[in-house]
N, C-alpha and C. Protein backbone atom coordinates (compact mmCIF):
# COMPACT_ATOMS: atom_id res chain seq x y z
N MET A 1 -17.34 -13.34 64.98
CA MET A 1 -17.22 -14.10 64.21
C MET A 1 -17.26 -15.17 64.78
N THR A 2 -18.09 -16.34 64.20
CA THR A 2 -18.21 -17.86 64.39
C THR A 2 -17.63 -18.33 63.32
N THR A 3 -16.84 -19.61 64.02
CA THR A 3 -15.98 -20.29 62.92
C THR A 3 -16.12 -21.70 63.28
N THR A 4 -16.42 -22.43 62.20
CA THR A 4 -17.10 -24.04 62.67
C THR A 4 -15.84 -25.20 62.19
N THR A 5 -15.30 -25.86 63.23
CA THR A 5 -14.29 -26.59 62.67
C THR A 5 -14.69 -28.08 62.32
N GLU A 6 -14.43 -29.00 61.83
CA GLU A 6 -14.80 -30.55 61.32
C GLU A 6 -14.67 -31.18 62.50
N ASN A 7 -15.16 -32.22 62.79
CA ASN A 7 -15.02 -33.04 63.62
C ASN A 7 -13.91 -34.21 62.99
N CYS A 8 -13.04 -34.63 63.35
CA CYS A 8 -12.34 -35.40 62.34
C CYS A 8 -12.81 -37.09 62.69
N TRP A 9 -13.62 -37.04 63.47
CA TRP A 9 -14.10 -38.47 63.74
C TRP A 9 -15.47 -38.64 62.76
N GLY A 10 -16.19 -37.20 61.89
CA GLY A 10 -17.05 -37.57 61.27
C GLY A 10 -16.93 -38.25 60.08
N THR A 11 -18.18 -38.49 59.34
CA THR A 11 -18.50 -39.01 58.29
C THR A 11 -17.67 -38.39 56.97
N ALA A 12 -17.64 -37.07 56.97
CA ALA A 12 -16.54 -36.72 55.84
C ALA A 12 -15.34 -37.12 56.23
N TYR A 13 -14.64 -37.18 57.35
CA TYR A 13 -13.26 -37.45 57.51
C TYR A 13 -13.24 -39.26 57.18
N TRP A 14 -14.44 -40.03 57.67
CA TRP A 14 -13.90 -41.54 57.21
C TRP A 14 -14.12 -41.97 55.67
N LEU A 15 -14.93 -40.88 55.07
CA LEU A 15 -15.30 -41.00 53.84
C LEU A 15 -13.90 -40.75 52.92
N ARG A 16 -13.12 -39.60 53.25
CA ARG A 16 -11.82 -39.15 53.00
C ARG A 16 -10.96 -40.35 53.14
N ASN A 17 -11.16 -41.14 54.13
CA ASN A 17 -10.02 -41.96 54.72
C ASN A 17 -10.62 -43.89 54.47
N CYS A 18 -11.34 -43.88 53.62
CA CYS A 18 -11.70 -45.23 53.82
C CYS A 18 -11.19 -46.16 53.17
N GLU A 19 -9.82 -46.36 52.42
CA GLU A 19 -9.48 -46.91 51.42
C GLU A 19 -9.04 -48.07 52.04
N GLY A 20 -9.40 -49.53 51.43
CA GLY A 20 -9.27 -50.45 51.99
C GLY A 20 -10.37 -51.12 52.70
N PHE A 21 -11.80 -49.97 53.40
CA PHE A 21 -13.01 -50.72 53.60
C PHE A 21 -13.33 -51.72 52.79
N ARG A 22 -14.21 -52.54 53.37
CA ARG A 22 -15.00 -53.51 52.95
C ARG A 22 -16.30 -52.76 52.44
N VAL A 23 -16.88 -53.12 51.24
CA VAL A 23 -18.00 -52.61 50.74
C VAL A 23 -19.06 -53.61 50.60
N GLU A 24 -20.29 -53.37 50.86
CA GLU A 24 -21.73 -54.11 50.34
C GLU A 24 -22.28 -53.51 49.85
N THR A 25 -23.18 -54.35 48.84
CA THR A 25 -24.18 -53.48 48.15
C THR A 25 -25.54 -54.24 48.58
N GLU A 26 -26.89 -53.27 48.35
CA GLU A 26 -28.07 -53.66 48.64
C GLU A 26 -28.76 -55.05 48.47
N ASP A 27 -27.52 -55.82 47.20
CA ASP A 27 -27.99 -56.89 46.56
C ASP A 27 -27.06 -57.87 47.46
N GLY A 28 -26.16 -57.67 47.90
CA GLY A 28 -25.31 -58.64 48.80
C GLY A 28 -23.75 -58.81 47.81
N GLU A 29 -23.76 -57.98 47.00
CA GLU A 29 -22.31 -57.89 46.37
C GLU A 29 -21.49 -57.76 47.60
N GLN A 30 -20.16 -57.97 47.30
CA GLN A 30 -18.88 -57.54 48.63
C GLN A 30 -17.90 -57.09 47.39
N GLY A 31 -17.26 -56.12 48.00
CA GLY A 31 -15.98 -55.49 47.24
C GLY A 31 -15.07 -55.08 48.41
N TYR A 32 -14.08 -53.89 48.00
CA TYR A 32 -13.65 -53.14 48.72
C TYR A 32 -13.28 -51.73 48.25
N VAL A 33 -12.92 -50.86 48.97
CA VAL A 33 -12.55 -49.53 48.28
C VAL A 33 -11.11 -49.40 47.97
N ASP A 34 -10.67 -49.32 46.88
CA ASP A 34 -9.34 -49.55 46.02
C ASP A 34 -8.79 -48.24 46.07
N ALA A 35 -9.86 -46.77 46.03
CA ALA A 35 -9.42 -45.47 46.12
C ALA A 35 -10.24 -44.26 46.53
N VAL A 36 -9.71 -43.44 46.72
CA VAL A 36 -10.99 -42.21 46.91
C VAL A 36 -10.70 -41.03 46.08
N GLU A 37 -11.60 -40.43 45.41
CA GLU A 37 -11.36 -39.28 44.66
C GLU A 37 -12.17 -38.22 45.49
N LEU A 38 -11.37 -37.16 45.41
CA LEU A 38 -11.27 -36.35 46.38
C LEU A 38 -11.89 -34.94 45.40
N THR A 39 -12.53 -33.98 45.51
CA THR A 39 -12.81 -33.03 44.99
C THR A 39 -11.52 -31.81 45.09
N PRO A 40 -11.66 -30.78 44.43
CA PRO A 40 -10.29 -29.44 44.46
C PRO A 40 -10.26 -29.30 45.90
N GLY A 41 -11.77 -29.08 46.46
CA GLY A 41 -11.70 -28.82 48.45
C GLY A 41 -11.10 -29.74 48.99
N GLY A 42 -11.07 -30.91 48.69
CA GLY A 42 -10.49 -32.33 49.24
C GLY A 42 -11.64 -32.81 50.07
N GLU A 43 -12.97 -32.91 49.35
CA GLU A 43 -13.97 -33.63 49.93
C GLU A 43 -13.75 -34.81 49.01
N ALA A 44 -14.65 -35.83 50.08
CA ALA A 44 -14.78 -36.77 49.05
C ALA A 44 -15.64 -37.09 47.81
N ALA A 45 -15.14 -37.35 46.78
CA ALA A 45 -16.43 -37.10 45.97
C ALA A 45 -16.89 -38.68 45.41
N ALA A 46 -16.03 -39.35 45.05
CA ALA A 46 -16.24 -40.56 44.72
C ALA A 46 -15.71 -41.59 45.23
N LEU A 47 -15.90 -42.84 45.49
CA LEU A 47 -15.16 -44.35 45.90
C LEU A 47 -14.99 -45.13 44.35
N VAL A 48 -13.53 -45.95 44.26
CA VAL A 48 -13.25 -46.49 43.56
C VAL A 48 -13.37 -47.95 44.10
N VAL A 49 -14.48 -48.49 43.78
CA VAL A 49 -14.81 -50.09 44.38
C VAL A 49 -14.64 -51.16 43.35
N ARG A 50 -13.72 -52.11 43.99
CA ARG A 50 -13.26 -53.35 42.99
C ARG A 50 -14.40 -54.40 43.77
N PHE A 51 -14.77 -54.74 42.72
CA PHE A 51 -15.99 -56.42 42.97
C PHE A 51 -15.39 -57.52 42.43
N GLY A 52 -16.23 -58.15 42.13
CA GLY A 52 -15.67 -59.89 41.37
C GLY A 52 -15.30 -60.81 42.37
N GLU A 53 -14.82 -61.90 41.64
CA GLU A 53 -14.36 -63.20 42.36
C GLU A 53 -12.96 -62.67 42.57
N ARG A 54 -12.34 -62.32 42.19
CA ARG A 54 -10.78 -61.77 42.20
C ARG A 54 -10.93 -60.15 41.95
N PHE A 55 -11.86 -59.57 42.47
CA PHE A 55 -11.38 -58.18 42.68
C PHE A 55 -11.16 -57.61 41.58
N THR A 56 -11.45 -57.99 40.54
CA THR A 56 -10.71 -57.04 39.12
C THR A 56 -11.48 -56.32 38.57
N HIS A 57 -12.93 -55.85 38.93
CA HIS A 57 -13.97 -55.30 38.29
C HIS A 57 -14.02 -53.81 39.25
N ALA A 58 -13.50 -52.67 38.39
CA ALA A 58 -13.53 -51.64 39.56
C ALA A 58 -14.95 -50.54 39.02
N VAL A 59 -15.31 -50.00 39.78
CA VAL A 59 -16.79 -49.25 39.56
C VAL A 59 -16.10 -48.03 40.48
N ARG A 60 -16.55 -47.11 40.02
CA ARG A 60 -16.69 -45.48 40.28
C ARG A 60 -17.96 -45.52 41.25
N VAL A 61 -18.12 -45.16 42.48
CA VAL A 61 -19.13 -44.77 42.98
C VAL A 61 -19.47 -43.71 43.94
N PRO A 62 -20.55 -42.63 43.37
CA PRO A 62 -20.40 -41.85 43.99
C PRO A 62 -20.72 -41.59 45.36
N VAL A 63 -20.41 -40.77 46.66
CA VAL A 63 -20.56 -40.76 47.66
C VAL A 63 -21.89 -41.15 48.08
N ARG A 64 -22.57 -40.35 47.47
CA ARG A 64 -24.22 -40.12 47.68
C ARG A 64 -24.74 -41.60 47.35
N ALA A 65 -23.94 -42.46 47.04
CA ALA A 65 -24.67 -43.80 47.15
C ALA A 65 -24.43 -44.60 48.26
N VAL A 66 -23.79 -43.94 49.28
CA VAL A 66 -23.10 -44.58 50.83
C VAL A 66 -24.27 -44.57 51.55
N GLU A 67 -25.02 -45.85 51.94
CA GLU A 67 -25.79 -45.45 52.97
C GLU A 67 -25.60 -45.39 54.40
N GLU A 68 -24.50 -46.39 54.59
CA GLU A 68 -24.15 -46.43 56.07
C GLU A 68 -22.39 -46.42 55.84
N LEU A 69 -21.83 -45.98 57.03
CA LEU A 69 -20.38 -46.04 57.03
C LEU A 69 -20.13 -46.67 58.47
N ASP A 70 -19.30 -47.68 58.64
CA ASP A 70 -19.19 -48.39 59.83
C ASP A 70 -17.80 -48.36 60.21
N ALA A 71 -17.23 -47.01 60.67
CA ALA A 71 -15.91 -47.19 60.82
C ALA A 71 -14.89 -47.75 61.50
N THR A 72 -16.05 -48.51 62.78
CA THR A 72 -15.07 -49.73 63.98
C THR A 72 -14.94 -51.07 62.85
N SER A 73 -15.77 -51.14 62.22
CA SER A 73 -15.25 -52.82 61.44
C SER A 73 -15.02 -52.41 59.93
N GLU A 74 -14.77 -51.07 59.60
CA GLU A 74 -14.32 -50.83 58.23
C GLU A 74 -15.43 -51.40 57.42
N LEU A 75 -16.43 -51.13 57.17
CA LEU A 75 -17.61 -51.61 56.22
C LEU A 75 -18.36 -50.53 55.84
N ILE A 76 -18.44 -50.29 54.67
CA ILE A 76 -19.32 -49.25 53.82
C ILE A 76 -20.45 -50.16 53.12
N THR A 77 -21.59 -49.70 53.41
CA THR A 77 -22.71 -50.19 52.83
C THR A 77 -23.50 -49.30 51.82
N LEU A 78 -23.52 -49.74 50.82
CA LEU A 78 -23.97 -48.82 49.36
C LEU A 78 -25.46 -49.14 49.33
N GLY A 79 -26.10 -47.90 48.94
CA GLY A 79 -27.50 -47.95 48.67
C GLY A 79 -27.68 -48.06 47.11
N PRO A 80 -28.98 -47.72 46.52
CA PRO A 80 -29.13 -48.17 44.83
C PRO A 80 -28.21 -46.59 44.49
N LEU A 81 -27.54 -47.07 43.25
CA LEU A 81 -26.56 -45.78 42.62
C LEU A 81 -27.14 -44.77 42.22
N SER A 82 -28.94 -45.16 41.19
CA SER A 82 -29.65 -44.29 40.47
C SER A 82 -30.63 -43.61 41.91
N GLY A 83 -30.72 -42.18 41.93
CA GLY A 83 -31.55 -41.58 43.11
C GLY A 83 -30.55 -41.82 44.17
N ALA A 84 -29.61 -41.61 44.54
CA ALA A 84 -28.66 -42.28 45.91
C ALA A 84 -29.14 -40.77 46.89
N ARG A 85 -29.48 -41.00 48.17
CA ARG A 85 -29.74 -40.31 49.15
C ARG A 85 -28.58 -39.46 49.05
N GLY A 86 -28.77 -38.16 49.58
CA GLY A 86 -27.65 -37.01 49.88
C GLY A 86 -27.04 -37.32 51.82
N PRO A 87 -25.98 -36.54 51.59
CA PRO A 87 -25.40 -36.99 53.07
C PRO A 87 -26.07 -36.68 54.22
N ALA A 88 -27.22 -36.22 54.38
CA ALA A 88 -28.18 -36.06 55.58
C ALA A 88 -28.80 -37.31 56.03
N TYR A 89 -28.75 -38.43 55.19
CA TYR A 89 -28.95 -39.48 55.78
C TYR A 89 -27.87 -40.59 55.64
N ARG A 90 -27.11 -40.33 55.59
CA ARG A 90 -25.72 -41.33 55.99
C ARG A 90 -25.78 -41.66 57.27
N GLN A 91 -25.19 -42.82 57.52
CA GLN A 91 -24.98 -42.61 59.25
C GLN A 91 -23.85 -43.57 59.44
N LEU A 92 -23.12 -42.73 60.56
CA LEU A 92 -21.82 -43.24 60.75
C LEU A 92 -21.53 -43.68 62.00
N ARG A 93 -21.22 -45.21 62.28
CA ARG A 93 -21.32 -45.64 63.55
C ARG A 93 -20.19 -45.71 64.23
N ILE A 94 -20.19 -45.08 65.53
CA ILE A 94 -18.85 -45.02 66.21
C ILE A 94 -19.06 -45.34 67.64
N PRO A 95 -18.66 -46.31 68.36
CA PRO A 95 -18.74 -46.50 69.67
C PRO A 95 -18.43 -45.49 70.54
N ALA A 96 -19.65 -45.34 71.57
CA ALA A 96 -19.12 -44.22 72.43
C ALA A 96 -17.62 -44.13 73.05
N ALA A 97 -17.22 -45.24 73.30
CA ALA A 97 -15.67 -45.48 73.88
C ALA A 97 -14.77 -45.02 72.96
N ILE A 98 -15.21 -44.64 71.92
CA ILE A 98 -14.33 -43.90 70.57
C ILE A 98 -14.49 -42.64 70.39
N SER A 99 -15.63 -42.14 70.63
CA SER A 99 -16.29 -40.80 70.34
C SER A 99 -16.28 -40.02 71.82
N GLY A 100 -15.61 -40.86 72.72
CA GLY A 100 -15.23 -39.81 73.90
C GLY A 100 -16.33 -39.92 74.64
N ARG A 101 -17.34 -40.08 74.73
CA ARG A 101 -18.43 -39.87 75.76
C ARG A 101 -19.62 -40.40 75.35
N GLU A 102 -20.79 -41.01 76.39
CA GLU A 102 -22.00 -41.72 75.89
C GLU A 102 -22.73 -41.30 75.62
N GLY A 103 -23.24 -41.50 74.60
CA GLY A 103 -24.39 -40.31 74.03
C GLY A 103 -24.25 -39.44 72.91
N ALA A 104 -22.87 -39.82 72.64
CA ALA A 104 -22.42 -38.40 71.96
C ALA A 104 -22.87 -38.77 70.46
N PRO A 105 -23.32 -37.56 70.15
CA PRO A 105 -23.84 -37.48 68.35
C PRO A 105 -22.96 -38.58 67.55
N THR A 106 -23.52 -39.63 66.65
CA THR A 106 -22.63 -40.20 65.84
C THR A 106 -22.21 -39.89 64.47
N ASP A 107 -23.06 -38.57 63.98
CA ASP A 107 -22.50 -38.14 62.47
C ASP A 107 -22.42 -36.42 62.80
N SER A 108 -21.40 -36.04 61.84
CA SER A 108 -21.17 -34.78 61.67
C SER A 108 -22.21 -33.94 60.59
């Protein structure tokens, strides 16, 4: 029997724990993650992102719209909300010093 354990530094971990991360859209709009909505299984389903001059406009963004997640600088870049690509295309940037070894894969 083979079991698989999740890498705690992978994309799924950071999506579940990204409250407070800065958010940038493809058209330059900036905001921050106010909350993370989870599935019953504990996976991130959507991010509640606050936008606007005083961050008063909350938008529910499905995680499939996340194009890039940089855990080091706590920055999430969103792609188009319609027709967003799936998790296979997400990039997670973690410097080798954090991942534990040079040349280590950066996505789970």
